[in-house]
């Protein structure tokens, strides 16, 4: 899965990013490398939380790489 993130300069220094396809998925970092690592973690967390909210009894999760 490929997602686009919008990276912004933070007023206090560093950067922050948002993922428009995942409402509320935002993170920050002091460097671009730190931001990238934090962004990966934020997206994983967002997707896991979404899975937990949508799974009912008798349903299963199938992870598919595209």
PDB file of N, CA and C in Angstrom:
ATOM      1  N   UNK A   1       0.850  -1.161   0.000  1.00  0.00           N
ATOM      2  CA  UNK A   1       0.000   0.000   0.000  1.00  0.00           C
ATOM      3  C   UNK A   1       0.900   1.230   0.000  1.00  0.00           C
ATOM      4  N   UNK A   2       0.598   2.175  -0.826  1.00  0.00           N
ATOM      5  CA  UNK A   2       1.331   3.432  -0.841  1.00  0.00           C
ATOM      6  C   UNK A   2       0.389   4.545  -0.423  1.00  0.00           C
ATOM      7  N   UNK A   3       0.852   5.360   0.502  1.00  0.00           N
ATOM      8  CA  UNK A   3       0.086   6.506   0.975  1.00  0.00           C
ATOM      9  C   UNK A   3       0.937   7.757   0.825  1.00  0.00           C
ATOM     10  N   UNK A   4       0.298   8.867   0.575  1.00  0.00           N
ATOM     11  CA  UNK A   4       1.018  10.130   0.479  1.00  0.00           C
ATOM     12  C   UNK A   4       0.878  10.885   1.790  1.00  0.00           C
ATOM     13  N   UNK A   5       1.970  11.505   2.203  1.00  0.00           N
ATOM     14  CA  UNK A   5       1.971  12.331   3.405  1.00  0.00           C
ATOM     15  C   UNK A   5       2.375  13.743   2.999  1.00  0.00           C
ATOM     16  N   UNK A   6       1.774  14.708   3.634  1.00  0.00           N
ATOM     17  CA  UNK A   6       2.132  16.106   3.413  1.00  0.00           C
ATOM     18  C   UNK A   6       3.032  16.525   4.563  1.00  0.00           C
ATOM     19  N   UNK A   7       4.229  16.986   4.231  1.00  0.00           N
ATOM     20  CA  UNK A   7       5.215  17.369   5.240  1.00  0.00           C
ATOM     21  C   UNK A   7       5.236  18.887   5.365  1.00  0.00           C
ATOM     22  N   UNK A   8       5.191  19.359   6.605  1.00  0.00           N
ATOM     23  CA  UNK A   8       5.188  20.792   6.905  1.00  0.00           C
ATOM     24  C   UNK A   8       6.390  21.127   7.781  1.00  0.00           C
ATOM     25  N   UNK A   9       6.934  22.317   7.625  1.00  0.00           N
ATOM     26  CA  UNK A   9       7.927  22.819   8.579  1.00  0.00           C
ATOM     27  C   UNK A   9       7.191  23.209   9.852  1.00  0.00           C
ATOM     28  N   UNK A  10       7.687  22.769  10.992  1.00  0.00           N
ATOM     29  CA  UNK A  10       7.085  23.137  12.273  1.00  0.00           C
ATOM     30  C   UNK A  10       7.620  24.495  12.710  1.00  0.00           C
ATOM     31  N   UNK A  11       6.771  25.322  13.290  1.00  0.00           N
ATOM     32  CA  UNK A  11       7.167  26.663  13.739  1.00  0.00           C
ATOM     33  C   UNK A  11       8.306  26.617  14.746  1.00  0.00           C
ATOM     34  N   UNK A  12       8.294  25.616  15.621  1.00  0.00           N
ATOM     35  CA  UNK A  12       9.300  25.506  16.669  1.00  0.00           C
ATOM     36  C   UNK A  12      10.545  24.747  16.217  1.00  0.00           C
ATOM     37  N   UNK A  13      10.609  24.413  14.940  1.00  0.00           N
ATOM     38  CA  UNK A  13      11.725  23.649  14.399  1.00  0.00           C
ATOM     39  C   UNK A  13      11.299  22.226  14.106  1.00  0.00           C
ATOM     40  N   UNK A  14      11.997  21.574  13.227  1.00  0.00           N
ATOM     41  CA  UNK A  14      11.631  20.218  12.863  1.00  0.00           C
ATOM     42  C   UNK A  14      10.507  20.213  11.837  1.00  0.00           C
ATOM     43  N   UNK A  15       9.788  19.108  11.801  1.00  0.00           N
ATOM     44  CA  UNK A  15       8.750  18.918  10.798  1.00  0.00           C
ATOM     45  C   UNK A  15       7.549  18.215  11.411  1.00  0.00           C
ATOM     46  N   UNK A  16       6.405  18.359  10.763  1.00  0.00           N
ATOM     47  CA  UNK A  16       5.246  17.555  11.099  1.00  0.00           C
ATOM     48  C   UNK A  16       4.603  17.109   9.795  1.00  0.00           C
ATOM     49  N   UNK A  17       3.868  15.992   9.839  1.00  0.00           N
ATOM     50  CA  UNK A  17       3.271  15.443   8.633  1.00  0.00           C
ATOM     51  C   UNK A  17       1.867  14.943   8.914  1.00  0.00           C
ATOM     52  N   UNK A  18       1.063  14.958   7.855  1.00  0.00           N
ATOM     53  CA  UNK A  18      -0.297  14.436   7.916  1.00  0.00           C
ATOM     54  C   UNK A  18      -0.515  13.522   6.722  1.00  0.00           C
ATOM     55  N   UNK A  19      -1.390  12.539   6.903  1.00  0.00           N
ATOM     56  CA  UNK A  19      -1.725  11.602   5.836  1.00  0.00           C
ATOM     57  C   UNK A  19      -3.193  11.846   5.477  1.00  0.00           C
ATOM     58  N   UNK A  20      -3.453  12.549   4.376  1.00  0.00           N
ATOM     59  CA  UNK A  20      -4.836  12.907   4.034  1.00  0.00           C
ATOM     60  C   UNK A  20      -5.788  11.710   3.895  1.00  0.00           C
ATOM     61  N   UNK A  21      -5.293  10.572   3.454  1.00  0.00           N
ATOM     62  CA  UNK A  21      -6.153   9.398   3.282  1.00  0.00           C
ATOM     63  C   UNK A  21      -6.560   8.764   4.615  1.00  0.00           C
ATOM     64  N   UNK A  22      -5.873   9.129   5.700  1.00  0.00           N
ATOM     65  CA  UNK A  22      -6.144   8.569   7.021  1.00  0.00           C
ATOM     66  C   UNK A  22      -6.458   9.719   7.977  1.00  0.00           C
ATOM     67  N   UNK A  23      -7.700  10.134   8.090  1.00  0.00           N
ATOM     68  CA  UNK A  23      -8.063  11.283   8.923  1.00  0.00           C
ATOM     69  C   UNK A  23      -7.522  11.170  10.347  1.00  0.00           C
ATOM     70  N   UNK A  24      -6.843  12.205  10.782  1.00  0.00           N
ATOM     71  CA  UNK A  24      -6.303  12.235  12.130  1.00  0.00           C
ATOM     72  C   UNK A  24      -4.927  11.609  12.264  1.00  0.00           C
ATOM     73  N   UNK A  25      -4.378  11.089  11.184  1.00  0.00           N
ATOM     74  CA  UNK A  25      -3.049  10.467  11.226  1.00  0.00           C
ATOM     75  C   UNK A  25      -2.000  11.554  11.009  1.00  0.00           C
ATOM     76  N   UNK A  26      -1.393  11.994  12.102  1.00  0.00           N
ATOM     77  CA  UNK A  26      -0.364  13.036  12.067  1.00  0.00           C
ATOM     78  C   UNK A  26       0.785  12.634  12.977  1.00  0.00           C
ATOM     79  N   UNK A  27       1.967  13.181  12.712  1.00  0.00           N
ATOM     80  CA  UNK A  27       3.126  12.923  13.552  1.00  0.00           C
ATOM     81  C   UNK A  27       4.134  14.041  13.351  1.00  0.00           C
ATOM     82  N   UNK A  28       5.239  13.997  14.086  1.00  0.00           N
ATOM     83  CA  UNK A  28       6.266  15.028  13.970  1.00  0.00           C
ATOM     84  C   UNK A  28       7.634  14.406  14.169  1.00  0.00           C
ATOM     85  N   UNK A  29       8.664  15.176  13.834  1.00  0.00           N
ATOM     86  CA  UNK A  29      10.036  14.731  14.036  1.00  0.00           C
ATOM     87  C   UNK A  29      10.989  15.900  13.943  1.00  0.00           C
ATOM     88  N   UNK A  30      12.113  15.790  14.621  1.00  0.00           N
ATOM     89  CA  UNK A  30      13.118  16.850  14.604  1.00  0.00           C
ATOM     90  C   UNK A  30      13.889  16.886  13.282  1.00  0.00           C
ATOM     91  N   UNK A  31      14.010  15.725  12.610  1.00  0.00           N
ATOM     92  CA  UNK A  31      14.695  15.635  11.320  1.00  0.00           C
ATOM     93  C   UNK A  31      13.778  14.878  10.363  1.00  0.00           C
ATOM     94  N   UNK A  32      14.106  14.928   9.075  1.00  0.00           N
ATOM     95  CA  UNK A  32      13.303  14.182   8.112  1.00  0.00           C
ATOM     96  C   UNK A  32      13.397  12.682   8.353  1.00  0.00           C
ATOM     97  N   UNK A  33      14.567  12.204   8.766  1.00  0.00           N
ATOM     98  CA  UNK A  33      14.726  10.775   9.062  1.00  0.00           C
ATOM     99  C   UNK A  33      13.834  10.364  10.241  1.00  0.00           C
ATOM    100  N   UNK A  34      13.823  11.177  11.292  1.00  0.00           N
ATOM    101  CA  UNK A  34      12.976  10.881  12.447  1.00  0.00           C
ATOM    102  C   UNK A  34      11.507  10.970  12.055  1.00  0.00           C
ATOM    103  N   UNK A  35      11.149  11.959  11.259  1.00  0.00           N
ATOM    104  CA  UNK A  35       9.771  12.112  10.798  1.00  0.00           C
ATOM    105  C   UNK A  35       9.335  10.880  10.011  1.00  0.00           C
ATOM    106  N   UNK A  36      10.182  10.382   9.129  1.00  0.00           N
ATOM    107  CA  UNK A  36       9.848   9.215   8.322  1.00  0.00           C
ATOM    108  C   UNK A  36       9.589   7.994   9.210  1.00  0.00           C
ATOM    109  N   UNK A  37      10.444   7.774  10.200  1.00  0.00           N
ATOM    110  CA  UNK A  37      10.252   6.653  11.117  1.00  0.00           C
ATOM    111  C   UNK A  37       8.958   6.818  11.916  1.00  0.00           C
ATOM    112  N   UNK A  38       8.709   8.022  12.409  1.00  0.00           N
ATOM    113  CA  UNK A  38       7.496   8.287  13.178  1.00  0.00           C
ATOM    114  C   UNK A  38       6.251   8.157  12.311  1.00  0.00           C
ATOM    115  N   UNK A  39       6.360   8.556  11.053  1.00  0.00           N
ATOM    116  CA  UNK A  39       5.234   8.469  10.131  1.00  0.00           C
ATOM    117  C   UNK A  39       4.859   7.010   9.874  1.00  0.00           C
ATOM    118  N   UNK A  40       5.865   6.172   9.694  1.00  0.00           N
ATOM    119  CA  UNK A  40       5.614   4.739   9.496  1.00  0.00           C
ATOM    120  C   UNK A  40       4.883   4.167  10.704  1.00  0.00           C
ATOM    121  N   UNK A  41       5.340   4.521  11.889  1.00  0.00           N
ATOM    122  CA  UNK A  41       4.723   4.041  13.128  1.00  0.00           C
ATOM    123  C   UNK A  41       3.293   4.567  13.279  1.00  0.00           C
ATOM    124  N   UNK A  42       3.073   5.833  12.938  1.00  0.00           N
ATOM    125  CA  UNK A  42       1.738   6.435  13.049  1.00  0.00           C
ATOM    126  C   UNK A  42       0.750   5.765  12.095  1.00  0.00           C
ATOM    127  N   UNK A  43       1.188   5.478  10.879  1.00  0.00           N
ATOM    128  CA  UNK A  43       0.315   4.821   9.905  1.00  0.00           C
ATOM    129  C   UNK A  43      -0.030   3.412  10.371  1.00  0.00           C
ATOM    130  N   UNK A  44       0.964   2.667  10.846  1.00  0.00           N
ATOM    131  CA  UNK A  44       0.696   1.321  11.372  1.00  0.00           C
ATOM    132  C   UNK A  44      -0.321   1.370  12.506  1.00  0.00           C
ATOM    133  N   UNK A  45      -0.122   2.296  13.429  1.00  0.00           N
ATOM    134  CA  UNK A  45      -1.048   2.430  14.551  1.00  0.00           C
ATOM    135  C   UNK A  45      -2.449   2.799  14.100  1.00  0.00           C
ATOM    136  N   UNK A  46      -2.551   3.697  13.138  1.00  0.00           N
ATOM    137  CA  UNK A  46      -3.857   4.111  12.623  1.00  0.00           C
ATOM    138  C   UNK A  46      -4.571   2.926  12.004  1.00  0.00           C
ATOM    139  N   UNK A  47      -3.843   2.159  11.182  1.00  0.00           N
ATOM    140  CA  UNK A  47      -4.448   1.011  10.510  1.00  0.00           C
ATOM    141  C   UNK A  47      -4.860  -0.073  11.500  1.00  0.00           C
ATOM    142  N   UNK A  48      -4.044  -0.319  12.513  1.00  0.00           N
ATOM    143  CA  UNK A  48      -4.404  -1.313  13.533  1.00  0.00           C
ATOM    144  C   UNK A  48      -5.641  -0.881  14.305  1.00  0.00           C
ATOM    145  N   UNK A  49      -5.733   0.394  14.639  1.00  0.00           N
ATOM    146  CA  UNK A  49      -6.899   0.898  15.359  1.00  0.00           C
ATOM    147  C   UNK A  49      -8.145   0.776  14.490  1.00  0.00           C
ATOM    148  N   UNK A  50      -8.014   1.044  13.203  1.00  0.00           N
ATOM    149  CA  UNK A  50      -9.151   0.930  12.291  1.00  0.00           C
ATOM    150  C   UNK A  50      -9.605  -0.522  12.179  1.00  0.00           C
ATOM    151  N   UNK A  51      -8.655  -1.464  12.144  1.00  0.00           N
ATOM    152  CA  UNK A  51      -9.000  -2.884  12.097  1.00  0.00           C
ATOM    153  C   UNK A  51      -9.801  -3.280  13.323  1.00  0.00           C
ATOM    154  N   UNK A  52      -9.361  -2.865  14.496  1.00  0.00           N
ATOM    155  CA  UNK A  52     -10.029  -3.220  15.746  1.00  0.00           C
ATOM    156  C   UNK A  52     -11.448  -2.675  15.787  1.00  0.00           C
ATOM    157  N   UNK A  53     -11.661  -1.488  15.229  1.00  0.00           N
ATOM    158  CA  UNK A  53     -12.987  -0.871  15.241  1.00  0.00           C
ATOM    159  C   UNK A  53     -13.957  -1.557  14.283  1.00  0.00           C
ATOM    160  N   UNK A  54     -13.452  -2.154  13.224  1.00  0.00           N
ATOM    161  CA  UNK A  54     -14.312  -2.684  12.174  1.00  0.00           C
ATOM    162  C   UNK A  54     -14.564  -4.186  12.266  1.00  0.00           C
ATOM    163  N   UNK A  55     -13.831  -4.909  13.091  1.00  0.00           N
ATOM    164  CA  UNK A  55     -13.936  -6.359  13.126  1.00  0.00           C
ATOM    165  C   UNK A  55     -15.036  -6.788  14.092  1.00  0.00           C
ATOM    166  N   UNK A  56     -15.958  -7.562  13.572  1.00  0.00           N
ATOM    167  CA  UNK A  56     -17.039  -8.102  14.381  1.00  0.00           C
ATOM    168  C   UNK A  56     -16.854  -9.606  14.528  1.00  0.00           C
ATOM    169  N   UNK A  57     -17.742 -10.235  15.259  1.00  0.00           N
ATOM    170  CA  UNK A  57     -17.623 -11.690  15.417  1.00  0.00           C
ATOM    171  C   UNK A  57     -17.878 -12.352  14.066  1.00  0.00           C
ATOM    172  N   UNK A  58     -17.149 -13.418  13.788  1.00  0.00           N
ATOM    173  CA  UNK A  58     -17.274 -14.121  12.531  1.00  0.00           C
ATOM    174  C   UNK A  58     -16.521 -13.468  11.381  1.00  0.00           C
ATOM    175  N   UNK A  59     -15.786 -12.396  11.667  1.00  0.00           N
ATOM    176  CA  UNK A  59     -15.008 -11.722  10.635  1.00  0.00           C
ATOM    177  C   UNK A  59     -13.523 -11.957  10.887  1.00  0.00           C
ATOM    178  N   UNK A  60     -12.732 -11.878   9.840  1.00  0.00           N
ATOM    179  CA  UNK A  60     -11.301 -12.106   9.930  1.00  0.00           C
ATOM    180  C   UNK A  60     -10.564 -10.999   9.197  1.00  0.00           C
ATOM    181  N   UNK A  61      -9.319 -10.801   9.576  1.00  0.00           N
ATOM    182  CA  UNK A  61      -8.470  -9.822   8.928  1.00  0.00           C
ATOM    183  C   UNK A  61      -7.499 -10.561   8.014  1.00  0.00           C
ATOM    184  N   UNK A  62      -7.396 -10.106   6.781  1.00  0.00           N
ATOM    185  CA  UNK A  62      -6.435 -10.633   5.835  1.00  0.00           C
ATOM    186  C   UNK A  62      -5.531  -9.493   5.415  1.00  0.00           C
ATOM    187  N   UNK A  63      -4.249  -9.638   5.669  1.00  0.00           N
ATOM    188  CA  UNK A  63      -3.284  -8.594   5.294  1.00  0.00           C
ATOM    189  C   UNK A  63      -2.805  -8.867   3.884  1.00  0.00           C
ATOM    190  N   UNK A  64      -2.956  -7.876   3.008  1.00  0.00           N
ATOM    191  CA  UNK A  64      -2.595  -8.033   1.603  1.00  0.00           C
ATOM    192  C   UNK A  64      -1.624  -6.927   1.230  1.00  0.00           C
ATOM    193  N   UNK A  65      -0.491  -7.305   0.668  1.00  0.00           N
ATOM    194  CA  UNK A  65       0.473  -6.314   0.179  1.00  0.00           C
ATOM    195  C   UNK A  65       0.181  -6.052  -1.287  1.00  0.00           C
ATOM    196  N   UNK A  66       0.151  -4.789  -1.662  1.00  0.00           N
ATOM    197  CA  UNK A  66      -0.144  -4.411  -3.045  1.00  0.00           C
ATOM    198  C   UNK A  66       1.043  -3.705  -3.633  1.00  0.00           C
TER     199      UNK A  66
END
